[in-house]
C-alpha atoms as a PDB file:
ATOM      1  CA  MET A   1     111.400  -9.770  -6.945  1.00  0.00           C
ATOM      2  CA  ASP A   2     109.474 -12.851  -6.490  1.00  0.00           C
ATOM      3  CA  ALA A   3     107.041 -13.339  -3.369  1.00  0.00           C
ATOM      4  CA  GLY A   4     109.524 -15.622  -1.889  1.00  0.00           C
ATOM      5  CA  ASP A   5     112.303 -12.574  -2.346  1.00  0.00           C
ATOM      6  CA  GLY A   6     109.553 -10.273  -0.808  1.00  0.00           C
ATOM      7  CA  LYS A   7     109.143 -12.142   2.395  1.00  0.00           C
ATOM      8  CA  ARG A   8     112.575 -12.488   2.692  1.00  0.00           C
ATOM      9  CA  ALA A   9     113.811  -9.113   2.222  1.00  0.00           C
ATOM     10  CA  VAL A  10     111.167  -7.793   4.750  1.00  0.00           C
ATOM     11  CA  ALA A  11     112.134 -10.374   7.593  1.00  0.00           C
ATOM     12  CA  GLN A  12     115.662  -9.053   7.327  1.00  0.00           C
ATOM     13  CA  ALA A  13     114.258  -5.577   7.521  1.00  0.00           C
ATOM     14  CA  ALA A  14     112.615  -5.905  10.223  1.00  0.00           C
ATOM     15  CA  LEU A  15     115.473  -6.665  12.255  1.00  0.00           C
ATOM     16  CA  GLU A  16     116.462  -2.966  12.650  1.00  0.00           C
ATOM     17  CA  TYR A  17     113.384  -2.450  14.982  1.00  0.00           C
ATOM     18  CA  ILE A  18     115.109  -5.069  17.507  1.00  0.00           C
ATOM     19  CA  GLU A  19     117.268  -3.420  20.039  1.00  0.00           C
ATOM     20  CA  MET A  20     119.832  -5.266  22.534  1.00  0.00           C
ATOM     21  CA  GLY A  21     118.197  -7.007  25.321  1.00  0.00           C
ATOM     22  CA  ASP A  22     114.870  -6.847  23.977  1.00  0.00           C
ATOM     23  CA  VAL A  23     112.039  -9.805  24.355  1.00  0.00           C
ATOM     24  CA  VAL A  24     110.737  -9.842  20.988  1.00  0.00           C
ATOM     25  CA  GLY A  25     107.443 -11.415  20.334  1.00  0.00           C
ATOM     26  CA  VAL A  26     106.564 -13.662  17.135  1.00  0.00           C
ATOM     27  CA  GLY A  27     104.220 -13.875  14.864  1.00  0.00           C
ATOM     28  CA  THR A  28     102.906 -17.171  13.012  1.00  0.00           C
ATOM     29  CA  GLY A  29     103.012 -17.916   9.376  1.00  0.00           C
ATOM     30  CA  SER A  30     105.273 -18.098   6.508  1.00  0.00           C
ATOM     31  CA  THR A  31     106.725 -14.860   6.977  1.00  0.00           C
ATOM     32  CA  ALA A  32     107.213 -14.952  10.554  1.00  0.00           C
ATOM     33  CA  ASP A  33     109.054 -18.195  10.103  1.00  0.00           C
ATOM     34  CA  LEU A  34     111.599 -16.331   8.091  1.00  0.00           C
ATOM     35  CA  PHE A  35     111.662 -13.524  10.290  1.00  0.00           C
ATOM     36  CA  ILE A  36     112.522 -16.272  13.137  1.00  0.00           C
ATOM     37  CA  ASP A  37     115.193 -17.629  10.517  1.00  0.00           C
ATOM     38  CA  SER A  38     117.022 -14.054  10.312  1.00  0.00           C
ATOM     39  CA  LEU A  39     116.096 -13.465  14.557  1.00  0.00           C
ATOM     40  CA  ALA A  40     118.436 -16.544  14.667  1.00  0.00           C
ATOM     41  CA  GLY A  41     121.403 -14.528  13.542  1.00  0.00           C
ATOM     42  CA  ILE A  42     121.228 -11.797  15.761  1.00  0.00           C
ATOM     43  CA  LYS A  43     120.079 -14.235  19.127  1.00  0.00           C
ATOM     44  CA  GLY A  44     123.102 -13.250  21.228  1.00  0.00           C
ATOM     45  CA  LYS A  45     121.579  -9.625  20.903  1.00  0.00           C
ATOM     46  CA  ILE A  46     118.110 -10.418  22.806  1.00  0.00           C
ATOM     47  CA  ASP A  47     117.042 -12.325  25.956  1.00  0.00           C
ATOM     48  CA  GLY A  48     114.678 -14.297  24.322  1.00  0.00           C
ATOM     49  CA  ALA A  49     111.025 -14.348  22.325  1.00  0.00           C
ATOM     50  CA  VAL A  50     107.270 -14.662  22.920  1.00  0.00           C
ATOM     51  CA  ALA A  51     105.597 -16.853  20.723  1.00  0.00           C
ATOM     52  CA  SER A  52     102.133 -16.618  19.228  1.00  0.00           C
ATOM     53  CA  SER A  53     101.852 -20.216  18.268  1.00  0.00           C
ATOM     54  CA  GLU A  54     102.900 -23.672  19.581  1.00  0.00           C
ATOM     55  CA  ALA A  55     104.579 -23.857  15.765  1.00  0.00           C
ATOM     56  CA  SER A  56     106.415 -20.585  16.419  1.00  0.00           C
ATOM     57  CA  ALA A  57     108.000 -22.027  19.519  1.00  0.00           C
ATOM     58  CA  ARG A  58     109.101 -25.020  18.263  1.00  0.00           C
ATOM     59  CA  ARG A  59     110.843 -22.951  15.193  1.00  0.00           C
ATOM     60  CA  LEU A  60     112.173 -20.472  17.818  1.00  0.00           C
ATOM     61  CA  ARG A  61     113.610 -23.525  20.105  1.00  0.00           C
ATOM     62  CA  GLU A  62     114.916 -25.114  16.854  1.00  0.00           C
ATOM     63  CA  HIS A  63     117.140 -22.149  16.509  1.00  0.00           C
ATOM     64  CA  GLY A  64     118.270 -22.103  20.557  1.00  0.00           C
ATOM     65  CA  ILE A  65     116.161 -19.037  20.917  1.00  0.00           C
ATOM     66  CA  ALA A  66     114.600 -19.005  24.491  1.00  0.00           C
ATOM     67  CA  VAL A  67     110.834 -19.021  24.234  1.00  0.00           C
ATOM     68  CA  LEU A  68     109.435 -16.776  27.482  1.00  0.00           C
ATOM     69  CA  ASP A  69     106.146 -16.894  29.012  1.00  0.00           C
ATOM     70  CA  LEU A  70     104.395 -13.680  28.107  1.00  0.00           C
ATOM     71  CA  ASN A  71     102.707 -13.258  31.592  1.00  0.00           C
ATOM     72  CA  ARG A  72     106.362 -13.373  33.133  1.00  0.00           C
ATOM     73  CA  VAL A  73     107.578 -11.202  30.446  1.00  0.00           C
ATOM     74  CA  GLY A  74     104.468  -8.238  30.729  1.00  0.00           C
ATOM     75  CA  VAL A  75     105.040  -5.577  27.961  1.00  0.00           C
ATOM     76  CA  LEU A  76     106.877  -6.584  24.864  1.00  0.00           C
ATOM     77  CA  PRO A  77     109.312  -4.069  23.232  1.00  0.00           C
ATOM     78  CA  VAL A  78     108.463  -5.181  19.907  1.00  0.00           C
ATOM     79  CA  TYR A  79     106.170  -7.824  18.022  1.00  0.00           C
ATOM     80  CA  VAL A  80     106.886  -8.851  14.622  1.00  0.00           C
ATOM     81  CA  ASP A  81     104.203 -10.538  12.354  1.00  0.00           C
ATOM     82  CA  GLY A  82     103.353 -11.356   8.453  1.00  0.00           C
ATOM     83  CA  THR A  83      99.528 -10.351   7.496  1.00  0.00           C
ATOM     84  CA  ASP A  84      97.043 -11.897   5.037  1.00  0.00           C
ATOM     85  CA  GLU A  85      95.589  -8.213   3.873  1.00  0.00           C
ATOM     86  CA  ALA A  86      96.722  -4.591   4.723  1.00  0.00           C
ATOM     87  CA  THR A  87      95.534  -1.138   4.086  1.00  0.00           C
ATOM     88  CA  ARG A  88      97.712   2.191   4.059  1.00  0.00           C
ATOM     89  CA  HIS A  89      95.794   2.749   7.614  1.00  0.00           C
ATOM     90  CA  LEU A  90      97.645  -0.353   8.898  1.00  0.00           C
ATOM     91  CA  HIS A  91      94.600  -1.869   9.404  1.00  0.00           C
ATOM     92  CA  LEU A  92      95.071  -5.612   9.043  1.00  0.00           C
ATOM     93  CA  ILE A  93      93.024  -9.094   8.464  1.00  0.00           C
ATOM     94  CA  LYS A  94      95.153 -11.802  10.082  1.00  0.00           C
ATOM     95  CA  GLY A  95      94.360 -15.585  11.215  1.00  0.00           C
ATOM     96  CA  GLY A  96      94.897 -17.524   8.103  1.00  0.00           C
ATOM     97  CA  GLY A  97      97.130 -19.775   9.869  1.00  0.00           C
ATOM     98  CA  GLY A  98      94.686 -19.775  12.434  1.00  0.00           C
ATOM     99  CA  ALA A  99      96.679 -17.860  15.631  1.00  0.00           C
ATOM    100  CA  LEU A 100      95.040 -15.073  15.632  1.00  0.00           C
ATOM    101  CA  THR A 101      93.805 -14.776  19.312  1.00  0.00           C
ATOM    102  CA  ARG A 102      97.439 -15.615  20.071  1.00  0.00           C
ATOM    103  CA  GLU A 103      98.723 -13.191  17.838  1.00  0.00           C
ATOM    104  CA  LYS A 104      96.029 -10.280  18.734  1.00  0.00           C
ATOM    105  CA  ILE A 105      97.113 -10.589  22.725  1.00  0.00           C
ATOM    106  CA  ALA A 106     100.736 -10.514  21.641  1.00  0.00           C
ATOM    107  CA  ALA A 107      99.794  -7.207  19.437  1.00  0.00           C
ATOM    108  CA  GLN A 108      98.264  -5.677  22.168  1.00  0.00           C
ATOM    109  CA  ALA A 109     100.927  -6.204  24.529  1.00  0.00           C
ATOM    110  CA  SER A 110     103.550  -4.811  22.436  1.00  0.00           C
ATOM    111  CA  GLU A 111     104.938  -1.231  22.424  1.00  0.00           C
ATOM    112  CA  ARG A 112     105.534  -1.518  18.901  1.00  0.00           C
ATOM    113  CA  PHE A 113     104.050  -3.825  16.383  1.00  0.00           C
ATOM    114  CA  VAL A 114     106.299  -4.530  13.108  1.00  0.00           C
ATOM    115  CA  CYS A 115     103.860  -6.099  10.528  1.00  0.00           C
ATOM    116  CA  ILE A 116     106.016  -7.588   7.372  1.00  0.00           C
ATOM    117  CA  ALA A 117     104.394  -8.524   4.320  1.00  0.00           C
ATOM    118  CA  GLU A 118     104.818  -8.807   0.307  1.00  0.00           C
ATOM    119  CA  ARG A 119     103.436  -5.518  -1.502  1.00  0.00           C
ATOM    120  CA  ARG A 120     100.813  -7.650  -2.788  1.00  0.00           C
ATOM    121  CA  LYS A 121      99.250  -8.308   0.607  1.00  0.00           C
ATOM    122  CA  LEU A 122      98.513  -4.122   0.361  1.00  0.00           C
ATOM    123  CA  VAL A 123      94.581  -3.920  -0.453  1.00  0.00           C
ATOM    124  CA  ALA A 124      92.386  -0.421  -0.737  1.00  0.00           C
ATOM    125  CA  THR A 125      89.398  -2.089   1.326  1.00  0.00           C
ATOM    126  CA  LEU A 126      90.030  -5.103   4.000  1.00  0.00           C
ATOM    127  CA  GLY A 127      87.784  -8.472   3.157  1.00  0.00           C
ATOM    128  CA  ALA A 128      88.657  -9.746  -0.315  1.00  0.00           C
ATOM    129  CA  PHE A 129      90.665 -12.530   2.126  1.00  0.00           C
ATOM    130  CA  PRO A 130      87.967 -14.306   4.279  1.00  0.00           C
ATOM    131  CA  LEU A 131      87.900 -13.373   7.611  1.00  0.00           C
ATOM    132  CA  PRO A 132      88.898 -15.583  10.131  1.00  0.00           C
ATOM    133  CA  ILE A 133      86.850 -15.516  13.467  1.00  0.00           C
ATOM    134  CA  GLU A 134      87.845 -17.816  16.396  1.00  0.00           C
ATOM    135  CA  VAL A 135      84.657 -19.823  17.990  1.00  0.00           C
ATOM    136  CA  ILE A 136      84.097 -21.692  21.322  1.00  0.00           C
ATOM    137  CA  PRO A 137      82.711 -24.675  19.520  1.00  0.00           C
ATOM    138  CA  MET A 138      79.142 -24.606  21.287  1.00  0.00           C
ATOM    139  CA  ALA A 139      78.632 -21.181  19.286  1.00  0.00           C
ATOM    140  CA  ARG A 140      79.534 -22.160  15.825  1.00  0.00           C
ATOM    141  CA  SER A 141      75.517 -21.888  14.667  1.00  0.00           C
ATOM    142  CA  LEU A 142      75.338 -18.890  16.786  1.00  0.00           C
ATOM    143  CA  VAL A 143      78.164 -17.089  15.776  1.00  0.00           C
ATOM    144  CA  GLY A 144      77.267 -18.055  12.082  1.00  0.00           C
ATOM    145  CA  ARG A 145      73.945 -16.953  11.727  1.00  0.00           C
ATOM    146  CA  SER A 146      75.081 -13.551  13.285  1.00  0.00           C
ATOM    147  CA  ILE A 147      77.928 -13.460  10.574  1.00  0.00           C
ATOM    148  CA  ALA A 148      75.343 -14.096   7.835  1.00  0.00           C
ATOM    149  CA  ALA A 149      73.327 -11.265   9.110  1.00  0.00           C
ATOM    150  CA  LEU A 150      75.782  -9.186   8.245  1.00  0.00           C
ATOM    151  CA  GLY A 151      75.767 -10.171   4.514  1.00  0.00           C
ATOM    152  CA  ALA A 152      78.821 -12.554   4.659  1.00  0.00           C
ATOM    153  CA  GLN A 153      78.923 -16.413   4.373  1.00  0.00           C
ATOM    154  CA  PRO A 154      80.624 -18.441   7.112  1.00  0.00           C
ATOM    155  CA  GLU A 155      82.456 -21.453   6.594  1.00  0.00           C
ATOM    156  CA  LEU A 156      83.969 -23.573   8.981  1.00  0.00           C
ATOM    157  CA  ARG A 157      87.590 -24.114   8.712  1.00  0.00           C
ATOM    158  CA  ALA A 158      87.325 -28.059   8.323  1.00  0.00           C
ATOM    159  CA  GLY A 159      89.516 -30.058  10.372  1.00  0.00           C
ATOM    160  CA  PHE A 160      91.273 -27.300  12.285  1.00  0.00           C
ATOM    161  CA  THR A 161      91.452 -26.456  15.581  1.00  0.00           C
ATOM    162  CA  THR A 162      93.007 -23.706  17.412  1.00  0.00           C
ATOM    163  CA  ASP A 163      96.106 -23.887  20.019  1.00  0.00           C
ATOM    164  CA  ASN A 164      93.348 -22.761  22.447  1.00  0.00           C
ATOM    165  CA  GLY A 165      91.042 -25.848  21.386  1.00  0.00           C
ATOM    166  CA  ASN A 166      88.758 -23.966  19.273  1.00  0.00           C
ATOM    167  CA  ILE A 167      87.446 -23.435  15.967  1.00  0.00           C
ATOM    168  CA  ILE A 168      87.461 -20.902  13.164  1.00  0.00           C
ATOM    169  CA  LEU A 169      84.750 -19.573  11.100  1.00  0.00           C
ATOM    170  CA  ASP A 170      86.214 -17.804   7.921  1.00  0.00           C
ATOM    171  CA  ALA A 171      83.663 -15.062   6.959  1.00  0.00           C
ATOM    172  CA  HIS A 172      83.502 -14.605   3.180  1.00  0.00           C
ATOM    173  CA  ASN A 173      82.317 -11.323   1.377  1.00  0.00           C
ATOM    174  CA  LEU A 174      82.198  -9.305   4.378  1.00  0.00           C
ATOM    175  CA  ASP A 175      81.704  -5.690   3.319  1.00  0.00           C
ATOM    176  CA  ILE A 176      84.368  -3.957   5.658  1.00  0.00           C
ATOM    177  CA  GLN A 177      84.040  -0.362   4.902  1.00  0.00           C
ATOM    178  CA  ASN A 178      84.794   0.508   8.816  1.00  0.00           C
ATOM    179  CA  PRO A 179      87.342  -2.130  10.043  1.00  0.00           C
ATOM    180  CA  VAL A 180      87.195  -0.456  13.632  1.00  0.00           C
ATOM    181  CA  GLU A 181      83.574  -0.669  13.932  1.00  0.00           C
ATOM    182  CA  MET A 182      83.468  -4.210  12.485  1.00  0.00           C
ATOM    183  CA  GLU A 183      85.774  -5.325  14.555  1.00  0.00           C
ATOM    184  CA  ARG A 184      83.915  -4.251  17.936  1.00  0.00           C
ATOM    185  CA  ARG A 185      80.563  -5.364  16.501  1.00  0.00           C
ATOM    186  CA  LEU A 186      81.902  -9.001  16.068  1.00  0.00           C
ATOM    187  CA  ASN A 187      83.705  -9.159  19.286  1.00  0.00           C
ATOM    188  CA  GLN A 188      80.467  -8.312  20.853  1.00  0.00           C
ATOM    189  CA  ILE A 189      79.049 -11.991  19.405  1.00  0.00           C
ATOM    190  CA  PRO A 190      78.322 -14.185  22.258  1.00  0.00           C
ATOM    191  CA  GLY A 191      80.908 -16.880  21.594  1.00  0.00           C
ATOM    192  CA  VAL A 192      83.323 -15.440  19.480  1.00  0.00           C
ATOM    193  CA  VAL A 193      86.819 -15.289  21.116  1.00  0.00           C
ATOM    194  CA  THR A 194      88.581 -12.797  18.857  1.00  0.00           C
ATOM    195  CA  VAL A 195      88.047 -12.072  15.431  1.00  0.00           C
ATOM    196  CA  GLY A 196      91.013 -11.355  12.816  1.00  0.00           C
ATOM    197  CA  LEU A 197      90.561  -7.888  12.164  1.00  0.00           C
ATOM    198  CA  PHE A 198      93.695  -5.936  13.533  1.00  0.00           C
ATOM    199  CA  ALA A 199      91.975  -2.276  13.523  1.00  0.00           C
ATOM    200  CA  LEU A 200      91.387  -1.168  17.361  1.00  0.00           C
ATOM    201  CA  ARG A 201      94.810  -2.222  17.565  1.00  0.00           C
ATOM    202  CA  GLY A 202      96.964  -2.354  13.748  1.00  0.00           C
ATOM    203  CA  ALA A 203     100.330  -2.045  13.174  1.00  0.00           C
ATOM    204  CA  ASP A 204     102.689   0.750  13.780  1.00  0.00           C
ATOM    205  CA  VAL A 205     104.879   0.074  11.108  1.00  0.00           C
ATOM    206  CA  LEU A 206     104.234  -1.901   7.654  1.00  0.00           C
ATOM    207  CA  LEU A 207     107.145  -2.931   5.609  1.00  0.00           C
ATOM    208  CA  LEU A 208     106.182  -3.970   2.098  1.00  0.00           C
ATOM    209  CA  GLY A 209     108.702  -6.140   0.000  1.00  0.00           C
ATOM    210  CA  GLY A 210     108.481  -5.692  -3.596  1.00  0.00           C
ATOM    211  CA  ASP A 211     110.468  -4.675  -6.675  1.00  0.00           C
ATOM    212  CA  ALA A 212     111.422  -1.553  -5.527  1.00  0.00           C
ATOM    213  CA  GLY A 213     113.047  -3.458  -2.344  1.00  0.00           C
ATOM    214  CA  VAL A 214     111.353  -2.763   1.053  1.00  0.00           C
ATOM    215  CA  GLU A 215     108.843   0.064   1.932  1.00  0.00           C
ATOM    216  CA  ALA A 216     107.930   1.612   5.094  1.00  0.00           C
ATOM    217  CA  LEU A 217     104.628   2.956   5.956  1.00  0.00           C
ATOM    218  CA  ARG A 218     103.822   4.210   9.663  1.00  0.00           C
END
């Protein structure tokens, strides 16, 4: 099974977690896009969706799926999104597409977070993928120095602005032995909006697509 087949398989498998009348939280990225395409096939079953980015909102609307305001919806029965890295403890690194803050809000607001990914995204220790950190622009240097003090190399994501009007610093070579503690520590740096570590609120289910089909980790 190639990478594309793995993504399509988990996108389809995630539909099993959606019930009649749900408002579905939807993530951002190539795997989430495939999930949106699959969701279109059962759009009559759901009451709408909450999008984690403007790009996902556009794709949902193109499929005729109503995009709702999270403030009006309240609690999401299910949130489905991809990931850049994942562990068997269901800790994640997300934000390669730059939507980490809205993704984290949607995940926190959900009763069940279903993460979908190719099997190659499963790692023993997080951190080979540079950790995205959304930062208020005036705090770029301050946050960069704080990241460097942790032994990582911060890099500004050039030419990129988040949907919230902020910048992304990607932390390379960050040693993440304790994802929960690292998430707390980074969140405390003034100027950090949020960090792409999803450990305090990790996935509830991780669907991995590979040669053997779809494996579910809980």
